[in-house]
Amino acid sequence: MDQRSELRAMVNSPDVSAAVATRARIVLWRAQGRPKVEISELAGVSRPTVDQWLDRFAAEGVAGLLDRPRGAGREQVPASIRARILAASRVSPPAETGLSHWSSREMAAFIARTESVAVSHHYVSKLWRDNGLTPHRQGTFTLSRDPEFAEKVADIVGLYLDPPGGAVVLSLDEKTQIQALDRTQPMLPITFAATEKRTHDYVRHGVTNLFAALNVGTGEVFGECKPTRDGADFLAFLKKAVKPHTGKDIHVVLDNLSTHTTPDVVTWLADNPQVRFHFTPIGSSWINQIETWFGVITRQSIRRGTFTSVKVLIAQIRDYIAHWNTNPKPFAWTATADEILAKVRLVQTNIRKLVDNNAK
């Protein structure tokens, strides 16, 4: 097939893009003796574009009309430099830099300075993504020093994964000192291409304490706001939380606050043996599912709220609980006690290694 036939085939082929077909027409029209000004009008392109594709065809033939790969070539970085970046990313930046953590640009500059090899920050970012490294993020952890940690974890996780038949499991705690914050200016509502906006400054109108109990099996929440938080407040709330489940065995998961073990509470438990407390390990509130729900209500209702008084704050909390209970969904607990304990042992081992390395 000669070039002219090949060009005609490109114009008529459904597999060829419209842009490439137009380039082929430009060459064919020029071969017919049409002036470049006319070709420009017929093709709907500029004169320089006509010249570009005619020159490309003259130099490379039909292949010159095809699209060329775009983008920069892949960086060729030695394996030793790649390993150096990964190793440096897992430790803090040198003290003399004054940096608290790495950024991709700072890492690229560090490699250029110490290894005399230029790498782009894009390469560093991709290397981090490929290896699951996120130096810009920081999490938290707490290792419980409770001597009964393993036993308490097994007890509570057992309630979550395999609750006693016919029993009710309540996850109970208090979210204290919730502030009724009022902004000094009206909120600017969300609109197209603009987020909702609020002022940085605010006025405090007081605080309240939210007592809440999550039914682990159904996801329903019973909550009540109180101005104070002491043993009497806790016991009064506990009585209301368990009342709907009269006649059933009730297991209550809660933390180790002194208000949960006052003499009055101990006496009431003795008179109500169907209610049994399960205390979380010291420093391990994460195992109490109501803490997850507290995070939800904080994000969805409290944090971005504007409250002109404590009364308004309490009303919104009540409305949110009522809304939640219209379609409650239990949290799906999946981790077994063995998996949790294994992860804790791994963290303890890593901490010991880190302490030993720093001591050398």
Protein backbone atom coordinates (compact mmCIF):
# COMPACT_ATOMS: atom_id res chain seq x y z
CA MET A 1 0.00 0.00 0.00
CA ASP A 2 1.46 3.40 -1.05
CA GLN A 3 1.38 6.39 1.28
CA ARG A 4 -1.61 8.02 -0.41
CA SER A 5 -3.71 4.88 0.01
CA GLU A 6 -2.56 4.59 3.58
CA LEU A 7 -3.59 8.19 4.26
CA ARG A 8 -7.05 7.58 2.76
CA ALA A 9 -7.41 4.49 4.95
CA MET A 10 -6.58 6.59 8.02
CA VAL A 11 -9.25 9.14 7.07
CA ASN A 12 -11.95 6.48 6.73
CA SER A 13 -10.96 4.13 9.55
CA PRO A 14 -13.23 4.09 12.66
CA ASP A 15 -10.20 3.05 14.72
CA VAL A 16 -8.29 6.27 14.00
CA SER A 17 -8.90 9.34 16.18
CA ALA A 18 -10.44 12.44 14.65
CA ALA A 19 -7.24 14.42 15.26
CA VAL A 20 -5.06 11.94 13.34
CA ALA A 21 -7.64 11.75 10.52
CA THR A 22 -7.53 15.55 10.20
CA ARG A 23 -3.73 15.43 9.89
CA ALA A 24 -4.05 12.85 7.12
CA ARG A 25 -6.57 15.09 5.29
CA ILE A 26 -4.13 18.02 5.55
CA VAL A 27 -1.46 15.98 3.74
CA LEU A 28 -3.93 14.73 1.10
CA TRP A 29 -5.29 18.22 0.43
CA ARG A 30 -1.72 19.52 0.00
CA ALA A 31 -0.99 16.68 -2.39
CA GLN A 32 -3.98 17.87 -4.46
CA GLY A 33 -2.27 21.26 -4.79
CA ARG A 34 -4.56 23.18 -2.47
CA PRO A 35 -2.99 26.30 -0.90
CA LYS A 36 -2.13 26.20 2.77
CA VAL A 37 -4.57 29.02 3.60
CA GLU A 38 -7.46 26.98 2.18
CA ILE A 39 -6.29 23.83 3.98
CA SER A 40 -6.18 25.77 7.22
CA GLU A 41 -9.83 26.82 6.76
CA LEU A 42 -10.97 23.34 5.73
CA ALA A 43 -9.25 21.66 8.69
CA GLY A 44 -10.19 24.35 11.20
CA VAL A 45 -6.60 24.80 12.35
CA SER A 46 -4.00 27.56 12.15
CA ARG A 47 -1.44 27.97 9.37
CA PRO A 48 1.46 27.01 11.69
CA THR A 49 -0.38 23.78 12.52
CA VAL A 50 -0.70 22.97 8.82
CA ASP A 51 3.03 23.58 8.41
CA GLN A 52 3.79 21.42 11.46
CA TRP A 53 2.00 18.33 10.12
CA LEU A 54 3.27 18.76 6.59
CA ASP A 55 6.83 19.01 7.90
CA ARG A 56 6.30 16.03 10.21
CA PHE A 57 4.96 13.96 7.27
CA ALA A 58 7.87 14.98 5.07
CA ALA A 59 10.38 13.92 7.73
CA GLU A 60 8.77 10.77 9.11
CA GLY A 61 6.06 9.70 6.69
CA VAL A 62 2.68 8.44 7.90
CA ALA A 63 4.13 7.55 11.31
CA GLY A 64 4.84 11.23 11.93
CA LEU A 65 1.09 11.97 12.01
CA LEU A 66 0.46 9.69 14.98
CA ASP A 67 0.34 10.92 18.58
CA ARG A 68 3.59 10.66 20.50
CA PRO A 69 3.85 9.52 24.12
CA ARG A 70 3.63 12.40 26.56
CA GLY A 71 5.19 13.01 29.94
CA ALA A 72 8.67 12.91 31.27
CA GLY A 73 10.64 9.70 31.30
CA ARG A 74 10.81 7.66 34.46
CA GLU A 75 13.60 8.68 36.80
CA GLN A 76 16.45 6.22 36.84
CA VAL A 77 17.42 6.09 40.51
CA PRO A 78 19.98 3.55 41.74
CA ALA A 79 18.71 0.87 44.08
CA SER A 80 21.12 2.07 46.79
CA ILE A 81 19.57 5.56 46.74
CA ARG A 82 16.08 4.07 46.83
CA ALA A 83 17.07 2.05 49.92
CA ARG A 84 18.66 5.13 51.48
CA ILE A 85 15.42 7.14 51.07
CA LEU A 86 13.32 4.36 52.59
CA ALA A 87 15.70 3.97 55.55
CA ALA A 88 15.88 7.73 56.23
CA SER A 89 12.11 8.05 55.97
CA ARG A 90 11.62 5.73 58.95
CA VAL A 91 13.66 7.86 61.35
CA SER A 92 13.45 11.49 62.41
CA PRO A 93 15.33 14.11 60.37
CA PRO A 94 18.79 15.02 61.70
CA ALA A 95 18.63 17.30 64.74
CA GLU A 96 20.59 20.05 63.01
CA THR A 97 17.80 20.51 60.45
CA GLY A 98 15.28 21.53 63.11
CA LEU A 99 12.64 19.47 61.30
CA SER A 100 10.07 17.44 63.22
CA HIS A 101 9.25 15.20 60.24
CA TRP A 102 10.11 14.67 56.59
CA SER A 103 8.40 16.23 53.59
CA SER A 104 9.08 14.96 50.07
CA ARG A 105 10.98 18.14 49.19
CA GLU A 106 13.09 18.04 52.34
CA MET A 107 13.91 14.37 51.69
CA ALA A 108 14.93 15.14 48.09
CA ALA A 109 17.15 17.97 49.33
CA PHE A 110 18.64 15.71 52.02
CA ILE A 111 19.56 13.03 49.47
CA ALA A 112 21.09 15.63 47.15
CA ARG A 113 23.11 17.02 50.07
CA THR A 114 24.32 13.75 51.57
CA GLU A 115 24.49 11.43 48.56
CA SER A 116 25.18 13.95 45.78
CA VAL A 117 22.35 12.40 43.75
CA ALA A 118 19.48 14.49 42.40
CA VAL A 119 16.00 13.00 42.82
CA SER A 120 12.72 14.83 42.42
CA HIS A 121 10.22 15.23 45.24
CA HIS A 122 7.71 13.49 42.95
CA TYR A 123 9.91 10.39 43.01
CA VAL A 124 10.11 10.52 46.81
CA SER A 125 6.31 10.86 47.09
CA LYS A 126 5.73 7.91 44.75
CA LEU A 127 8.25 5.80 46.65
CA TRP A 128 6.45 6.57 49.90
CA ARG A 129 3.06 5.69 48.38
CA ASP A 130 4.37 2.42 46.96
CA ASN A 131 5.75 1.41 50.37
CA GLY A 132 2.93 2.67 52.57
CA LEU A 133 5.01 5.38 54.27
CA THR A 134 3.26 8.58 55.45
CA PRO A 135 5.82 10.78 57.27
CA HIS A 136 3.43 13.76 57.14
CA ARG A 137 0.90 11.95 59.33
CA GLN A 138 1.11 11.13 63.03
CA GLY A 139 -0.99 8.82 65.16
CA THR A 140 -1.11 8.07 68.86
CA PHE A 141 -0.76 4.95 70.96
CA THR A 142 -1.04 3.98 74.60
CA LEU A 143 0.28 0.85 76.23
CA SER A 144 -1.77 -0.11 79.25
CA ARG A 145 0.13 -0.93 82.43
CA ASP A 146 -2.85 -2.79 83.85
CA PRO A 147 -1.61 -6.15 85.23
CA GLU A 148 -4.97 -7.66 84.26
CA PHE A 149 -4.89 -6.24 80.72
CA ALA A 150 -5.11 -9.59 78.92
CA GLU A 151 -7.94 -10.89 81.10
CA LYS A 152 -10.00 -7.71 80.72
CA VAL A 153 -9.50 -7.61 76.95
CA ALA A 154 -10.59 -11.23 76.62
CA ASP A 155 -13.62 -10.57 78.82
CA ILE A 156 -14.87 -7.49 76.92
CA VAL A 157 -14.05 -8.72 73.42
CA GLY A 158 -15.87 -11.93 74.29
CA LEU A 159 -18.98 -9.87 75.08
CA TYR A 160 -18.71 -8.10 71.72
CA LEU A 161 -18.09 -11.16 69.56
CA ASP A 162 -20.14 -13.75 71.43
CA PRO A 163 -22.55 -12.15 73.93
CA PRO A 164 -24.42 -14.45 76.34
CA GLY A 165 -27.73 -15.61 74.93
CA GLY A 166 -30.62 -13.34 75.84
CA ALA A 167 -28.34 -10.86 77.65
CA VAL A 168 -27.95 -7.14 76.91
CA VAL A 169 -24.50 -5.57 76.57
CA LEU A 170 -24.33 -1.83 77.28
CA SER A 171 -21.23 0.26 76.56
CA LEU A 172 -21.39 3.22 78.94
CA ASP A 173 -19.33 6.33 79.58
CA GLU A 174 -19.48 10.12 80.01
CA LYS A 175 -18.34 12.78 77.55
CA THR A 176 -17.44 15.59 79.89
CA GLN A 177 -17.16 19.36 79.60
CA ILE A 178 -18.85 19.76 76.21
CA GLN A 179 -18.65 23.48 75.49
CA ALA A 180 -21.53 25.59 74.19
CA LEU A 181 -19.52 27.72 71.74
CA ASP A 182 -21.14 30.61 69.91
CA ARG A 183 -19.39 32.30 66.96
CA THR A 184 -18.98 36.07 67.02
CA GLN A 185 -20.32 36.42 63.45
CA PRO A 186 -23.04 34.57 61.51
CA MET A 187 -22.02 31.38 59.71
CA LEU A 188 -21.45 31.78 55.97
CA PRO A 189 -23.36 28.93 54.29
CA ILE A 190 -21.93 26.48 51.80
CA THR A 191 -22.26 27.50 48.15
CA PHE A 192 -20.84 26.44 44.80
CA ALA A 193 -17.02 26.40 44.85
CA ALA A 194 -17.00 27.61 48.48
CA THR A 195 -17.11 25.72 51.77
CA GLU A 196 -19.11 26.72 54.82
CA LYS A 197 -17.15 29.31 56.80
CA ARG A 198 -17.11 30.38 60.45
CA THR A 199 -15.09 32.84 62.48
CA HIS A 200 -12.04 31.75 64.46
CA ASP A 201 -13.16 33.57 67.60
CA TYR A 202 -16.05 32.47 69.75
CA VAL A 203 -17.92 33.05 73.01
CA ARG A 204 -18.26 30.33 75.66
CA HIS A 205 -21.71 29.98 77.18
CA GLY A 206 -20.96 27.12 79.58
CA VAL A 207 -20.56 23.35 79.50
CA THR A 208 -22.55 20.16 79.96
CA ASN A 209 -21.71 16.50 80.57
CA LEU A 210 -23.19 13.80 78.34
CA PHE A 211 -23.90 10.41 79.93
CA ALA A 212 -24.53 7.80 77.22
CA ALA A 213 -25.10 4.05 76.97
CA LEU A 214 -24.79 2.19 73.67
CA ASN A 215 -26.69 -1.07 73.21
CA VAL A 216 -23.94 -3.11 71.56
CA GLY A 217 -26.41 -5.51 69.98
CA THR A 218 -28.83 -3.00 68.43
CA GLY A 219 -26.80 0.20 68.13
CA GLU A 220 -29.41 2.22 70.05
CA VAL A 221 -28.13 4.98 72.33
CA PHE A 222 -29.64 6.27 75.54
CA GLY A 223 -28.22 9.61 76.59
CA GLU A 224 -28.74 12.31 79.15
CA CYS A 225 -26.99 15.63 79.80
CA LYS A 226 -26.19 16.72 83.34
CA PRO A 227 -24.49 19.84 84.73
CA THR A 228 -22.34 17.78 87.12
CA ARG A 229 -20.62 14.41 87.05
CA ASP A 230 -20.32 12.54 90.33
CA GLY A 231 -21.26 9.18 91.78
CA ALA A 232 -24.87 10.18 92.36
CA ASP A 233 -25.24 11.41 88.75
CA PHE A 234 -23.73 8.20 87.44
CA LEU A 235 -25.98 5.95 89.53
CA ALA A 236 -29.10 7.88 88.53
CA PHE A 237 -28.19 7.53 84.87
CA LEU A 238 -27.31 3.84 85.25
CA LYS A 239 -30.73 3.10 86.71
CA LYS A 240 -32.45 4.78 83.74
CA ALA A 241 -30.16 3.02 81.21
CA VAL A 242 -30.92 -0.50 82.51
CA LYS A 243 -34.64 0.04 83.23
CA PRO A 244 -35.79 -0.78 79.62
CA HIS A 245 -34.07 -4.17 79.95
CA THR A 246 -35.73 -5.31 83.17
CA GLY A 247 -35.83 -9.08 83.45
CA LYS A 248 -32.68 -9.65 81.41
CA ASP A 249 -29.05 -10.14 82.35
CA ILE A 250 -27.24 -6.86 81.68
CA HIS A 251 -23.50 -6.56 81.09
CA VAL A 252 -22.13 -3.01 81.36
CA VAL A 253 -18.75 -2.13 79.81
CA LEU A 254 -17.25 0.96 81.45
CA ASP A 255 -13.95 2.51 82.52
CA ASN A 256 -12.27 2.78 85.90
CA LEU A 257 -13.47 6.18 87.11
CA SER A 258 -13.92 6.42 90.88
CA THR A 259 -17.52 7.59 90.33
CA HIS A 260 -18.29 4.11 88.96
CA THR A 261 -17.36 2.36 92.21
CA THR A 262 -18.76 4.58 94.95
CA PRO A 263 -20.30 2.81 97.98
CA ASP A 264 -23.79 3.64 96.70
CA VAL A 265 -23.01 2.04 93.32
CA VAL A 266 -21.53 -1.04 94.98
CA THR A 267 -24.61 -1.39 97.18
CA TRP A 268 -26.96 -1.02 94.21
CA LEU A 269 -25.04 -3.69 92.26
CA ALA A 270 -25.36 -6.06 95.21
CA ASP A 271 -29.13 -5.49 95.20
CA ASN A 272 -29.31 -5.97 91.41
CA PRO A 273 -27.21 -9.07 90.63
CA GLN A 274 -28.58 -9.20 87.06
CA VAL A 275 -26.36 -6.16 86.30
CA ARG A 276 -22.66 -6.92 86.01
CA PHE A 277 -19.83 -4.45 85.42
CA HIS A 278 -16.93 -5.19 83.04
CA PHE A 279 -14.12 -2.67 83.49
CA THR A 280 -11.85 -1.78 80.60
CA PRO A 281 -8.09 -2.06 81.18
CA ILE A 282 -6.52 1.08 82.63
CA GLY A 283 -5.63 3.49 79.82
CA SER A 284 -7.59 1.54 77.21
CA SER A 285 -10.79 3.48 76.63
CA TRP A 286 -10.54 2.56 72.91
CA ILE A 287 -12.02 -0.84 73.73
CA ASN A 288 -15.24 0.78 74.96
CA GLN A 289 -17.56 1.08 71.94
CA ILE A 290 -19.37 4.16 73.27
CA GLU A 291 -16.10 6.05 72.65
CA THR A 292 -16.56 5.36 68.95
CA TRP A 293 -20.06 6.81 69.12
CA PHE A 294 -18.76 9.87 70.99
CA GLY A 295 -16.43 10.43 68.04
CA VAL A 296 -19.38 10.22 65.65
CA ILE A 297 -21.54 12.75 67.49
CA THR A 298 -18.58 15.09 67.87
CA ARG A 299 -17.89 15.10 64.12
CA GLN A 300 -21.48 15.18 62.94
CA SER A 301 -23.16 17.47 65.48
CA ILE A 302 -21.03 19.15 68.13
CA ARG A 303 -17.74 20.30 66.59
CA ARG A 304 -19.28 22.44 63.85
CA GLY A 305 -22.27 23.52 65.91
CA THR A 306 -23.04 27.06 67.04
CA PHE A 307 -24.76 27.27 70.41
CA THR A 308 -26.11 30.44 71.99
CA SER A 309 -26.56 28.70 75.35
CA VAL A 310 -26.08 25.40 77.14
CA LYS A 311 -29.81 24.82 76.71
CA VAL A 312 -29.43 25.02 72.91
CA LEU A 313 -26.44 22.63 73.06
CA ILE A 314 -28.40 20.08 75.11
CA ALA A 315 -31.39 20.34 72.75
CA GLN A 316 -29.15 19.59 69.75
CA ILE A 317 -27.58 16.59 71.50
CA ARG A 318 -31.04 15.23 72.28
CA ASP A 319 -32.16 15.78 68.69
CA TYR A 320 -29.07 13.98 67.40
CA ILE A 321 -29.66 10.98 69.68
CA ALA A 322 -33.29 10.79 68.55
CA HIS A 323 -32.16 10.99 64.92
CA TRP A 324 -29.55 8.27 65.50
CA ASN A 325 -32.13 5.96 67.05
CA THR A 326 -34.46 6.22 64.05
CA ASN A 327 -32.09 3.92 62.19
CA PRO A 328 -29.50 2.60 64.68
CA LYS A 329 -26.72 0.36 63.47
CA PRO A 330 -24.38 -1.53 65.80
CA PHE A 331 -20.65 -1.15 65.33
CA ALA A 332 -19.09 -4.28 63.83
CA TRP A 333 -16.32 -5.43 66.17
CA THR A 334 -14.00 -7.77 64.26
CA ALA A 335 -10.72 -8.02 66.20
CA THR A 336 -10.34 -11.05 68.42
CA ALA A 337 -8.64 -10.90 71.81
CA ASP A 338 -5.70 -12.92 70.45
CA GLU A 339 -5.20 -10.47 67.57
CA ILE A 340 -5.27 -7.48 69.93
CA LEU A 341 -2.81 -9.06 72.36
CA ALA A 342 -0.48 -10.05 69.52
CA LYS A 343 -0.43 -6.47 68.21
CA VAL A 344 0.26 -5.13 71.71
CA ARG A 345 3.16 -7.55 72.13
CA LEU A 346 4.60 -6.40 68.80
CA VAL A 347 4.42 -2.73 69.85
CA GLN A 348 6.05 -3.57 73.20
CA THR A 349 8.85 -5.39 71.39
CA ASN A 350 9.42 -2.46 69.01
CA ILE A 351 9.52 0.00 71.91
CA ARG A 352 12.09 -2.09 73.74
CA LYS A 353 14.24 -2.22 70.58
CA LEU A 354 13.95 1.54 70.18
CA VAL A 355 14.91 2.20 73.79
CA ASP A 356 17.89 -0.18 73.50
CA ASN A 357 19.07 1.46 70.27
CA ASN A 358 18.83 4.96 71.78
CA ALA A 359 20.81 3.83 74.81
CA LYS A 360 23.76 2.77 72.66
